[in-house]
Amino acid sequence: MSYVRPFKPLVFAVCLLPLVYLLLSAFEVAGLGLGTNPVEELLHELGRWGLKFLLLTLAVTPVRRWTGWSWLVRYRRMLGLFSFFYLLLHFLVYAVLDQGLDPGLIVEDILKRPYITLGMAGLLMMVPLAATSTKAMMRKLGKRWKSLHRLVYVIAILGVWHFYWQVKLDTLQPLVYASILAVLLISRIRPRKRR
C-alpha cells in the first residue's frame, strides 16, 4: 500500500489538532478560552482526547474486518502512541499544575481517590506498550509482543471506568464511551468456525 505513506504526515497533523486547539484556548488566542477553571478544563480535555485515541486504536481491527480496508492497520501504532501522548499530558497537567509537583500530595491523592488509582494504573500499563511499539521490539519479543499488547483492552476498561468515577453528576458521556468500548470488545469475539 504505497499510497498510504504520503498520508501519514497528514494523519499525524490531524492528531495534533486537539493539542493546538487546547494551547490556543489556554493562552486565550482568537477569542478561545478554557472557562473559569482552566486547569481543570485542560486536564479533562486531555484525558478525553487520550481516551478517544485509545478507542480509535481499538476500532482499527473491527473496521478493517467489516470494510476490508487493510490499510487502516498502518495507522494503528500512530493512534496508540497519540493516545499515550495525550494521557501522559493529562497526568502532567494533574501533577504539575493541579498538585504543584508535590510527590507527597500526588501519592496521597492516588491512594485516597479510587478513580485516580485506576487512571494511574492504566497509564503505567501504557508505558511498556509505548516502549515496545517499534518494529524492532516486535521482532525482538516475537509472540510475547502480542501477549503484552493485549493489555490495551484492560487499559481501555480502566480508562472508561476512571472517567465514569471521575464525573459526579453527568454520567452520559462516560456511558457513551463505555458503550463504544463494549461494541469494540464484543466485535473481537469471533464465532468458532463450524467444522
N, C-alpha and C. Protein backbone atom coordinates (compact mmCIF):
# COMPACT_ATOMS: atom_id res chain seq x y z
N MET A 1 0.85 -1.20 0.00
CA MET A 1 0.00 0.00 0.00
C MET A 1 0.88 1.25 0.00
N SER A 2 1.50 1.53 -1.10
CA SER A 2 2.43 2.66 -1.18
C SER A 2 1.72 4.00 -1.05
N TYR A 3 0.42 4.03 -1.38
CA TYR A 3 -0.30 5.31 -1.31
C TYR A 3 -0.61 5.72 0.12
N VAL A 4 -0.44 4.79 1.09
CA VAL A 4 -0.72 5.10 2.50
C VAL A 4 0.35 6.00 3.08
N ARG A 5 1.62 5.78 2.70
CA ARG A 5 2.75 6.50 3.29
C ARG A 5 2.61 8.03 3.21
N PRO A 6 2.24 8.61 2.05
CA PRO A 6 2.12 10.07 1.99
C PRO A 6 1.06 10.64 2.94
N PHE A 7 0.08 9.81 3.33
CA PHE A 7 -0.98 10.30 4.21
C PHE A 7 -0.58 10.30 5.68
N LYS A 8 0.52 9.62 6.02
CA LYS A 8 0.92 9.54 7.43
C LYS A 8 1.20 10.91 8.03
N PRO A 9 1.94 11.80 7.34
CA PRO A 9 2.13 13.15 7.91
C PRO A 9 0.82 13.91 8.10
N LEU A 10 -0.14 13.67 7.21
CA LEU A 10 -1.44 14.33 7.33
C LEU A 10 -2.18 13.82 8.56
N VAL A 11 -2.18 12.49 8.76
CA VAL A 11 -2.83 11.90 9.93
C VAL A 11 -2.16 12.39 11.20
N PHE A 12 -0.83 12.47 11.17
CA PHE A 12 -0.05 12.98 12.31
C PHE A 12 -0.49 14.40 12.66
N ALA A 13 -0.61 15.24 11.64
CA ALA A 13 -1.01 16.64 11.84
C ALA A 13 -2.42 16.72 12.40
N VAL A 14 -3.32 15.90 11.89
CA VAL A 14 -4.71 15.88 12.37
C VAL A 14 -4.75 15.47 13.84
N CYS A 15 -3.92 14.50 14.21
CA CYS A 15 -3.87 14.04 15.60
C CYS A 15 -3.36 15.12 16.56
N LEU A 16 -2.60 16.07 16.03
CA LEU A 16 -2.08 17.16 16.86
C LEU A 16 -3.08 18.32 17.02
N LEU A 17 -4.12 18.34 16.18
CA LEU A 17 -5.07 19.45 16.21
C LEU A 17 -5.72 19.68 17.58
N PRO A 18 -6.12 18.63 18.31
CA PRO A 18 -6.70 18.89 19.64
C PRO A 18 -5.73 19.62 20.57
N LEU A 19 -4.44 19.25 20.50
CA LEU A 19 -3.44 19.91 21.34
C LEU A 19 -3.28 21.37 20.94
N VAL A 20 -3.24 21.64 19.64
CA VAL A 20 -3.13 23.01 19.15
C VAL A 20 -4.32 23.83 19.65
N TYR A 21 -5.52 23.27 19.53
CA TYR A 21 -6.73 23.96 19.98
C TYR A 21 -6.66 24.26 21.49
N LEU A 22 -6.20 23.26 22.27
CA LEU A 22 -6.12 23.45 23.73
C LEU A 22 -5.07 24.49 24.10
N LEU A 23 -3.95 24.52 23.37
CA LEU A 23 -2.92 25.52 23.64
C LEU A 23 -3.42 26.93 23.31
N LEU A 24 -4.11 27.05 22.18
CA LEU A 24 -4.69 28.35 21.81
C LEU A 24 -5.72 28.79 22.85
N SER A 25 -6.50 27.83 23.34
CA SER A 25 -7.50 28.13 24.37
C SER A 25 -6.84 28.53 25.68
N ALA A 26 -5.75 27.84 26.03
CA ALA A 26 -5.05 28.13 27.28
C ALA A 26 -4.48 29.55 27.29
N PHE A 27 -4.02 30.01 26.12
CA PHE A 27 -3.45 31.35 26.03
C PHE A 27 -4.46 32.37 25.49
N GLU A 28 -5.73 31.93 25.41
CA GLU A 28 -6.85 32.80 25.01
C GLU A 28 -6.58 33.51 23.69
N VAL A 29 -6.12 32.74 22.72
CA VAL A 29 -5.85 33.26 21.38
C VAL A 29 -7.13 33.18 20.55
N ALA A 30 -7.38 34.19 19.74
CA ALA A 30 -8.53 34.23 18.81
C ALA A 30 -9.86 34.04 19.53
N GLY A 31 -9.96 34.61 20.73
CA GLY A 31 -11.22 34.55 21.45
C GLY A 31 -11.53 33.23 22.12
N LEU A 32 -10.58 32.29 22.08
CA LEU A 32 -10.79 30.99 22.72
C LEU A 32 -10.45 31.09 24.20
N GLY A 33 -10.94 30.14 24.97
CA GLY A 33 -10.63 30.13 26.40
C GLY A 33 -11.01 28.80 27.02
N LEU A 34 -10.59 28.60 28.26
CA LEU A 34 -10.86 27.33 28.96
C LEU A 34 -11.84 27.51 30.12
N GLY A 35 -12.54 28.64 30.15
CA GLY A 35 -13.56 28.85 31.17
C GLY A 35 -12.99 29.35 32.49
N THR A 36 -13.80 29.22 33.54
CA THR A 36 -13.44 29.79 34.84
C THR A 36 -12.38 28.97 35.57
N ASN A 37 -12.28 27.67 35.24
CA ASN A 37 -11.27 26.80 35.86
C ASN A 37 -10.43 26.18 34.76
N PRO A 38 -9.45 26.93 34.22
CA PRO A 38 -8.70 26.46 33.05
C PRO A 38 -7.90 25.19 33.28
N VAL A 39 -7.33 25.03 34.48
CA VAL A 39 -6.52 23.83 34.76
C VAL A 39 -7.40 22.58 34.71
N GLU A 40 -8.55 22.65 35.35
CA GLU A 40 -9.48 21.51 35.36
C GLU A 40 -9.98 21.18 33.96
N GLU A 41 -10.31 22.23 33.19
CA GLU A 41 -10.80 22.02 31.82
C GLU A 41 -9.71 21.41 30.95
N LEU A 42 -8.49 21.90 31.07
CA LEU A 42 -7.36 21.35 30.32
C LEU A 42 -7.12 19.90 30.70
N LEU A 43 -7.16 19.62 31.98
CA LEU A 43 -6.98 18.26 32.50
C LEU A 43 -8.01 17.31 31.91
N HIS A 44 -9.27 17.72 31.96
CA HIS A 44 -10.35 16.86 31.48
C HIS A 44 -10.31 16.67 29.96
N GLU A 45 -10.02 17.74 29.22
CA GLU A 45 -9.97 17.64 27.76
C GLU A 45 -8.85 16.73 27.30
N LEU A 46 -7.69 16.83 27.91
CA LEU A 46 -6.57 15.96 27.55
C LEU A 46 -6.91 14.50 27.85
N GLY A 47 -7.56 14.26 28.98
CA GLY A 47 -7.98 12.90 29.32
C GLY A 47 -8.98 12.34 28.32
N ARG A 48 -9.95 13.18 27.93
CA ARG A 48 -10.95 12.72 26.96
C ARG A 48 -10.32 12.42 25.61
N TRP A 49 -9.38 13.28 25.17
CA TRP A 49 -8.73 13.02 23.88
C TRP A 49 -7.86 11.77 23.93
N GLY A 50 -7.21 11.54 25.05
CA GLY A 50 -6.44 10.30 25.21
C GLY A 50 -7.32 9.08 25.09
N LEU A 51 -8.50 9.15 25.70
CA LEU A 51 -9.45 8.04 25.64
C LEU A 51 -10.02 7.86 24.24
N LYS A 52 -10.29 8.97 23.56
CA LYS A 52 -10.79 8.90 22.17
C LYS A 52 -9.78 8.22 21.26
N PHE A 53 -8.51 8.59 21.38
CA PHE A 53 -7.48 7.97 20.55
C PHE A 53 -7.31 6.49 20.90
N LEU A 54 -7.50 6.15 22.18
CA LEU A 54 -7.42 4.75 22.59
C LEU A 54 -8.54 3.93 21.94
N LEU A 55 -9.75 4.49 21.93
CA LEU A 55 -10.88 3.80 21.29
C LEU A 55 -10.69 3.72 19.77
N LEU A 56 -10.14 4.76 19.18
CA LEU A 56 -9.84 4.73 17.74
C LEU A 56 -8.84 3.63 17.42
N THR A 57 -7.83 3.47 18.30
CA THR A 57 -6.83 2.41 18.12
C THR A 57 -7.50 1.04 18.14
N LEU A 58 -8.40 0.85 19.11
CA LEU A 58 -9.11 -0.43 19.22
C LEU A 58 -10.09 -0.65 18.07
N ALA A 59 -10.54 0.45 17.46
CA ALA A 59 -11.53 0.34 16.37
C ALA A 59 -10.91 -0.09 15.05
N VAL A 60 -9.59 0.01 14.92
CA VAL A 60 -8.94 -0.27 13.64
C VAL A 60 -9.22 -1.70 13.16
N THR A 61 -9.02 -2.68 14.02
CA THR A 61 -9.20 -4.08 13.61
C THR A 61 -10.65 -4.40 13.24
N PRO A 62 -11.65 -4.05 14.07
CA PRO A 62 -13.03 -4.32 13.67
C PRO A 62 -13.43 -3.62 12.38
N VAL A 63 -13.04 -2.36 12.22
CA VAL A 63 -13.40 -1.62 10.99
C VAL A 63 -12.73 -2.26 9.78
N ARG A 64 -11.49 -2.68 9.95
CA ARG A 64 -10.79 -3.37 8.85
C ARG A 64 -11.52 -4.65 8.46
N ARG A 65 -11.98 -5.37 9.49
CA ARG A 65 -12.68 -6.64 9.24
C ARG A 65 -14.02 -6.41 8.54
N TRP A 66 -14.73 -5.34 8.95
CA TRP A 66 -16.04 -5.05 8.38
C TRP A 66 -15.96 -4.49 6.97
N THR A 67 -14.89 -3.70 6.72
CA THR A 67 -14.82 -2.98 5.43
C THR A 67 -13.81 -3.57 4.45
N GLY A 68 -12.86 -4.36 4.97
CA GLY A 68 -11.80 -4.87 4.11
C GLY A 68 -10.69 -3.86 3.87
N TRP A 69 -10.71 -2.73 4.60
CA TRP A 69 -9.69 -1.69 4.43
C TRP A 69 -8.45 -2.07 5.23
N SER A 70 -7.60 -2.90 4.66
CA SER A 70 -6.42 -3.38 5.39
C SER A 70 -5.40 -2.27 5.64
N TRP A 71 -5.45 -1.19 4.86
CA TRP A 71 -4.50 -0.09 5.02
C TRP A 71 -4.66 0.64 6.36
N LEU A 72 -5.81 0.47 7.02
CA LEU A 72 -6.03 1.12 8.31
C LEU A 72 -5.01 0.69 9.35
N VAL A 73 -4.53 -0.55 9.23
CA VAL A 73 -3.57 -1.09 10.21
C VAL A 73 -2.31 -0.24 10.26
N ARG A 74 -1.96 0.40 9.13
CA ARG A 74 -0.74 1.22 9.07
C ARG A 74 -0.80 2.41 10.05
N TYR A 75 -2.01 2.81 10.45
CA TYR A 75 -2.16 3.98 11.32
C TYR A 75 -2.38 3.61 12.78
N ARG A 76 -2.54 2.31 13.05
CA ARG A 76 -2.90 1.89 14.41
C ARG A 76 -1.84 2.27 15.44
N ARG A 77 -0.57 2.05 15.10
CA ARG A 77 0.51 2.37 16.03
C ARG A 77 0.54 3.86 16.34
N MET A 78 0.37 4.68 15.29
CA MET A 78 0.38 6.13 15.49
C MET A 78 -0.76 6.56 16.41
N LEU A 79 -1.94 6.01 16.21
CA LEU A 79 -3.09 6.34 17.05
C LEU A 79 -2.85 5.93 18.50
N GLY A 80 -2.26 4.75 18.67
CA GLY A 80 -1.96 4.28 20.02
C GLY A 80 -0.95 5.16 20.73
N LEU A 81 0.07 5.60 20.00
CA LEU A 81 1.08 6.48 20.59
C LEU A 81 0.51 7.86 20.91
N PHE A 82 -0.40 8.33 20.07
CA PHE A 82 -1.05 9.61 20.38
C PHE A 82 -1.95 9.49 21.60
N SER A 83 -2.57 8.33 21.78
CA SER A 83 -3.36 8.10 22.99
C SER A 83 -2.47 8.21 24.22
N PHE A 84 -1.31 7.55 24.18
CA PHE A 84 -0.35 7.63 25.29
C PHE A 84 0.12 9.07 25.50
N PHE A 85 0.39 9.78 24.41
CA PHE A 85 0.86 11.16 24.46
C PHE A 85 -0.15 12.06 25.18
N TYR A 86 -1.43 11.96 24.80
CA TYR A 86 -2.45 12.81 25.42
C TYR A 86 -2.70 12.41 26.88
N LEU A 87 -2.64 11.12 27.17
CA LEU A 87 -2.86 10.68 28.55
C LEU A 87 -1.67 11.05 29.44
N LEU A 88 -0.46 11.04 28.86
CA LEU A 88 0.70 11.48 29.62
C LEU A 88 0.60 12.98 29.92
N LEU A 89 0.15 13.77 28.94
CA LEU A 89 -0.08 15.20 29.17
C LEU A 89 -1.16 15.41 30.22
N HIS A 90 -2.19 14.58 30.17
CA HIS A 90 -3.27 14.61 31.16
C HIS A 90 -2.69 14.45 32.57
N PHE A 91 -1.79 13.46 32.72
CA PHE A 91 -1.16 13.23 34.03
C PHE A 91 -0.25 14.39 34.41
N LEU A 92 0.52 14.91 33.45
CA LEU A 92 1.46 16.01 33.75
C LEU A 92 0.74 17.28 34.18
N VAL A 93 -0.40 17.57 33.55
CA VAL A 93 -1.20 18.72 33.97
C VAL A 93 -1.70 18.51 35.40
N TYR A 94 -2.12 17.29 35.71
CA TYR A 94 -2.56 16.95 37.07
C TYR A 94 -1.40 17.11 38.06
N ALA A 95 -0.23 16.52 37.71
CA ALA A 95 0.90 16.50 38.64
C ALA A 95 1.53 17.89 38.82
N VAL A 96 1.67 18.64 37.73
CA VAL A 96 2.39 19.92 37.78
C VAL A 96 1.46 21.08 38.14
N LEU A 97 0.38 21.23 37.37
CA LEU A 97 -0.48 22.41 37.56
C LEU A 97 -1.49 22.24 38.69
N ASP A 98 -1.98 21.01 38.88
CA ASP A 98 -3.01 20.79 39.90
C ASP A 98 -2.40 20.48 41.27
N GLN A 99 -1.32 19.68 41.28
CA GLN A 99 -0.73 19.26 42.56
C GLN A 99 0.60 19.94 42.86
N GLY A 100 1.04 20.86 41.98
CA GLY A 100 2.28 21.60 42.22
C GLY A 100 3.52 20.73 42.27
N LEU A 101 3.48 19.57 41.62
CA LEU A 101 4.59 18.62 41.55
C LEU A 101 5.06 18.19 42.95
N ASP A 102 4.11 18.10 43.86
CA ASP A 102 4.40 17.67 45.23
C ASP A 102 4.21 16.15 45.30
N PRO A 103 5.31 15.35 45.40
CA PRO A 103 5.19 13.89 45.41
C PRO A 103 4.27 13.36 46.50
N GLY A 104 4.35 13.98 47.68
CA GLY A 104 3.51 13.54 48.80
C GLY A 104 2.03 13.69 48.49
N LEU A 105 1.66 14.86 47.96
CA LEU A 105 0.25 15.11 47.60
C LEU A 105 -0.22 14.16 46.50
N ILE A 106 0.64 13.95 45.51
CA ILE A 106 0.27 13.09 44.37
C ILE A 106 0.04 11.66 44.84
N VAL A 107 0.99 11.12 45.63
CA VAL A 107 0.86 9.73 46.13
C VAL A 107 -0.37 9.60 47.01
N GLU A 108 -0.58 10.58 47.89
CA GLU A 108 -1.75 10.56 48.77
C GLU A 108 -3.05 10.56 47.96
N ASP A 109 -3.09 11.40 46.93
CA ASP A 109 -4.26 11.50 46.07
C ASP A 109 -4.53 10.19 45.33
N ILE A 110 -3.45 9.58 44.83
CA ILE A 110 -3.58 8.31 44.09
C ILE A 110 -4.12 7.21 45.01
N LEU A 111 -3.64 7.18 46.24
CA LEU A 111 -4.07 6.14 47.17
C LEU A 111 -5.46 6.40 47.74
N LYS A 112 -5.82 7.69 47.88
CA LYS A 112 -7.08 8.05 48.53
C LYS A 112 -8.28 8.04 47.58
N ARG A 113 -8.05 8.41 46.32
CA ARG A 113 -9.16 8.52 45.37
C ARG A 113 -9.13 7.36 44.38
N PRO A 114 -10.11 6.47 44.44
CA PRO A 114 -10.10 5.27 43.59
C PRO A 114 -10.04 5.59 42.08
N TYR A 115 -10.70 6.67 41.64
CA TYR A 115 -10.70 6.96 40.21
C TYR A 115 -9.31 7.38 39.73
N ILE A 116 -8.54 8.03 40.61
CA ILE A 116 -7.16 8.39 40.26
C ILE A 116 -6.28 7.14 40.28
N THR A 117 -6.55 6.23 41.22
CA THR A 117 -5.82 4.96 41.27
C THR A 117 -5.99 4.20 39.96
N LEU A 118 -7.22 4.13 39.46
CA LEU A 118 -7.49 3.44 38.20
C LEU A 118 -6.77 4.12 37.03
N GLY A 119 -6.86 5.45 36.98
CA GLY A 119 -6.22 6.19 35.90
C GLY A 119 -4.71 5.99 35.91
N MET A 120 -4.11 6.02 37.09
CA MET A 120 -2.66 5.84 37.21
C MET A 120 -2.26 4.43 36.80
N ALA A 121 -3.05 3.45 37.19
CA ALA A 121 -2.76 2.06 36.81
C ALA A 121 -2.79 1.90 35.30
N GLY A 122 -3.80 2.50 34.67
CA GLY A 122 -3.91 2.43 33.21
C GLY A 122 -2.74 3.10 32.51
N LEU A 123 -2.33 4.27 33.02
CA LEU A 123 -1.20 4.99 32.41
C LEU A 123 0.09 4.20 32.55
N LEU A 124 0.33 3.61 33.73
CA LEU A 124 1.54 2.81 33.94
C LEU A 124 1.57 1.59 33.03
N MET A 125 0.40 1.00 32.78
CA MET A 125 0.33 -0.14 31.86
C MET A 125 0.65 0.27 30.42
N MET A 126 0.36 1.54 30.10
CA MET A 126 0.62 2.02 28.73
C MET A 126 2.10 2.21 28.45
N VAL A 127 2.90 2.42 29.50
CA VAL A 127 4.34 2.70 29.31
C VAL A 127 5.04 1.57 28.55
N PRO A 128 4.90 0.29 28.99
CA PRO A 128 5.57 -0.77 28.22
C PRO A 128 5.02 -0.92 26.80
N LEU A 129 3.76 -0.61 26.59
CA LEU A 129 3.19 -0.70 25.24
C LEU A 129 3.81 0.35 24.33
N ALA A 130 3.96 1.57 24.85
CA ALA A 130 4.59 2.64 24.06
C ALA A 130 6.06 2.32 23.80
N ALA A 131 6.72 1.79 24.83
CA ALA A 131 8.16 1.50 24.71
C ALA A 131 8.45 0.36 23.73
N THR A 132 7.48 -0.53 23.54
CA THR A 132 7.69 -1.68 22.64
C THR A 132 6.89 -1.55 21.34
N SER A 133 6.57 -0.33 20.95
CA SER A 133 5.73 -0.14 19.76
C SER A 133 6.52 -0.13 18.45
N THR A 134 7.85 -0.21 18.52
CA THR A 134 8.65 -0.19 17.30
C THR A 134 8.70 -1.56 16.64
N LYS A 135 9.02 -1.57 15.36
CA LYS A 135 9.14 -2.84 14.62
C LYS A 135 10.28 -3.69 15.18
N ALA A 136 11.35 -3.03 15.61
CA ALA A 136 12.49 -3.75 16.19
C ALA A 136 12.07 -4.52 17.45
N MET A 137 11.25 -3.88 18.29
CA MET A 137 10.77 -4.54 19.51
C MET A 137 9.78 -5.65 19.18
N MET A 138 9.00 -5.46 18.13
CA MET A 138 8.08 -6.52 17.70
C MET A 138 8.86 -7.78 17.32
N ARG A 139 9.96 -7.57 16.56
CA ARG A 139 10.79 -8.71 16.15
C ARG A 139 11.49 -9.34 17.36
N LYS A 140 11.97 -8.50 18.26
CA LYS A 140 12.72 -8.99 19.42
C LYS A 140 11.84 -9.81 20.36
N LEU A 141 10.62 -9.33 20.60
CA LEU A 141 9.72 -10.01 21.55
C LEU A 141 8.98 -11.18 20.93
N GLY A 142 8.81 -11.17 19.60
CA GLY A 142 8.11 -12.27 18.93
C GLY A 142 6.67 -12.42 19.40
N LYS A 143 6.30 -13.64 19.80
CA LYS A 143 4.92 -13.90 20.23
C LYS A 143 4.58 -13.18 21.53
N ARG A 144 5.60 -12.90 22.33
CA ARG A 144 5.34 -12.21 23.61
C ARG A 144 4.84 -10.79 23.38
N TRP A 145 5.20 -10.20 22.22
CA TRP A 145 4.76 -8.84 21.92
C TRP A 145 3.24 -8.77 21.86
N LYS A 146 2.64 -9.75 21.18
CA LYS A 146 1.18 -9.76 21.05
C LYS A 146 0.51 -9.92 22.41
N SER A 147 1.07 -10.81 23.23
CA SER A 147 0.51 -11.03 24.57
C SER A 147 0.60 -9.76 25.41
N LEU A 148 1.74 -9.07 25.33
CA LEU A 148 1.92 -7.82 26.08
C LEU A 148 0.93 -6.76 25.64
N HIS A 149 0.74 -6.64 24.33
CA HIS A 149 -0.12 -5.57 23.80
C HIS A 149 -1.61 -5.87 23.96
N ARG A 150 -1.94 -7.06 24.46
CA ARG A 150 -3.35 -7.32 24.81
C ARG A 150 -3.74 -6.54 26.06
N LEU A 151 -2.75 -6.00 26.75
CA LEU A 151 -3.04 -5.13 27.91
C LEU A 151 -3.89 -3.93 27.52
N VAL A 152 -3.89 -3.60 26.23
CA VAL A 152 -4.65 -2.42 25.77
C VAL A 152 -6.13 -2.55 26.11
N TYR A 153 -6.66 -3.78 26.14
CA TYR A 153 -8.07 -3.98 26.49
C TYR A 153 -8.32 -3.61 27.95
N VAL A 154 -7.40 -4.06 28.82
CA VAL A 154 -7.52 -3.74 30.25
C VAL A 154 -7.38 -2.23 30.45
N ILE A 155 -6.43 -1.62 29.74
CA ILE A 155 -6.19 -0.18 29.85
C ILE A 155 -7.44 0.60 29.44
N ALA A 156 -8.08 0.18 28.36
CA ALA A 156 -9.29 0.87 27.88
C ALA A 156 -10.41 0.76 28.91
N ILE A 157 -10.57 -0.40 29.52
CA ILE A 157 -11.60 -0.60 30.55
C ILE A 157 -11.31 0.31 31.75
N LEU A 158 -10.04 0.34 32.17
CA LEU A 158 -9.65 1.20 33.30
C LEU A 158 -9.87 2.67 32.98
N GLY A 159 -9.58 3.05 31.71
CA GLY A 159 -9.76 4.44 31.30
C GLY A 159 -11.20 4.89 31.34
N VAL A 160 -12.10 4.05 30.83
CA VAL A 160 -13.53 4.38 30.85
C VAL A 160 -14.05 4.39 32.29
N TRP A 161 -13.60 3.44 33.08
CA TRP A 161 -14.00 3.35 34.49
C TRP A 161 -13.52 4.59 35.25
N HIS A 162 -12.28 4.99 35.00
CA HIS A 162 -11.71 6.21 35.60
C HIS A 162 -12.57 7.43 35.26
N PHE A 163 -12.96 7.52 33.99
CA PHE A 163 -13.78 8.64 33.52
C PHE A 163 -15.15 8.62 34.21
N TYR A 164 -15.75 7.44 34.30
CA TYR A 164 -17.08 7.30 34.92
C TYR A 164 -17.04 7.71 36.39
N TRP A 165 -16.04 7.24 37.12
CA TRP A 165 -15.94 7.56 38.55
C TRP A 165 -15.58 9.02 38.78
N GLN A 166 -14.88 9.62 37.80
CA GLN A 166 -14.42 11.00 37.96
C GLN A 166 -15.56 12.01 37.88
N VAL A 167 -16.53 11.74 36.97
CA VAL A 167 -17.65 12.68 36.85
C VAL A 167 -18.59 12.47 38.04
N LYS A 168 -19.20 13.54 38.48
CA LYS A 168 -20.02 13.44 39.69
C LYS A 168 -21.51 13.33 39.38
N LEU A 169 -21.98 14.07 38.38
CA LEU A 169 -23.41 14.08 38.09
C LEU A 169 -23.73 13.59 36.68
N ASP A 170 -23.14 14.22 35.67
CA ASP A 170 -23.47 13.90 34.29
C ASP A 170 -22.66 12.72 33.80
N THR A 171 -23.26 11.53 33.90
CA THR A 171 -22.55 10.30 33.51
C THR A 171 -22.83 9.89 32.06
N LEU A 172 -23.54 10.72 31.32
CA LEU A 172 -23.90 10.36 29.94
C LEU A 172 -22.66 10.12 29.08
N GLN A 173 -21.72 11.06 29.12
CA GLN A 173 -20.53 10.94 28.26
C GLN A 173 -19.71 9.68 28.56
N PRO A 174 -19.37 9.41 29.82
CA PRO A 174 -18.64 8.16 30.08
C PRO A 174 -19.42 6.91 29.70
N LEU A 175 -20.75 6.96 29.81
CA LEU A 175 -21.56 5.80 29.41
C LEU A 175 -21.53 5.60 27.89
N VAL A 176 -21.45 6.71 27.14
CA VAL A 176 -21.30 6.60 25.68
C VAL A 176 -19.96 5.94 25.35
N TYR A 177 -18.90 6.39 26.02
CA TYR A 177 -17.58 5.78 25.83
C TYR A 177 -17.61 4.30 26.19
N ALA A 178 -18.28 3.98 27.30
CA ALA A 178 -18.38 2.58 27.74
C ALA A 178 -19.12 1.73 26.71
N SER A 179 -20.17 2.29 26.11
CA SER A 179 -20.93 1.57 25.09
C SER A 179 -20.09 1.30 23.85
N ILE A 180 -19.32 2.33 23.43
CA ILE A 180 -18.45 2.17 22.26
C ILE A 180 -17.40 1.09 22.55
N LEU A 181 -16.82 1.14 23.75
CA LEU A 181 -15.82 0.14 24.13
C LEU A 181 -16.43 -1.26 24.15
N ALA A 182 -17.64 -1.38 24.68
CA ALA A 182 -18.31 -2.69 24.73
C ALA A 182 -18.51 -3.25 23.32
N VAL A 183 -18.94 -2.41 22.39
CA VAL A 183 -19.12 -2.84 21.00
C VAL A 183 -17.79 -3.30 20.40
N LEU A 184 -16.73 -2.54 20.65
CA LEU A 184 -15.40 -2.88 20.11
C LEU A 184 -14.88 -4.19 20.70
N LEU A 185 -15.12 -4.40 21.99
CA LEU A 185 -14.65 -5.63 22.63
C LEU A 185 -15.46 -6.84 22.16
N ILE A 186 -16.77 -6.67 22.05
CA ILE A 186 -17.63 -7.77 21.58
C ILE A 186 -17.30 -8.13 20.14
N SER A 187 -16.97 -7.11 19.34
CA SER A 187 -16.67 -7.36 17.92
C SER A 187 -15.41 -8.19 17.74
N ARG A 188 -14.58 -8.26 18.77
CA ARG A 188 -13.34 -9.04 18.68
C ARG A 188 -13.56 -10.51 19.02
N ILE A 189 -14.75 -10.82 19.53
CA ILE A 189 -15.06 -12.22 19.82
C ILE A 189 -15.52 -12.88 18.54
N ARG A 190 -14.67 -13.67 17.96
CA ARG A 190 -15.01 -14.32 16.70
C ARG A 190 -15.74 -15.62 16.97
N PRO A 191 -16.85 -15.86 16.26
CA PRO A 191 -17.52 -17.15 16.42
C PRO A 191 -16.65 -18.28 15.90
N ARG A 192 -16.70 -19.41 16.55
CA ARG A 192 -15.90 -20.54 16.11
C ARG A 192 -16.39 -21.06 14.77
N LYS A 193 -15.45 -21.36 13.90
CA LYS A 193 -15.83 -21.88 12.59
C LYS A 193 -16.42 -23.29 12.72
N ARG A 194 -17.49 -23.49 11.99
CA ARG A 194 -18.08 -24.82 12.00
C ARG A 194 -17.19 -25.80 11.26
N ARG A 195 -17.10 -27.00 11.79
CA ARG A 195 -16.29 -28.00 11.12
C ARG A 195 -17.01 -28.48 9.88
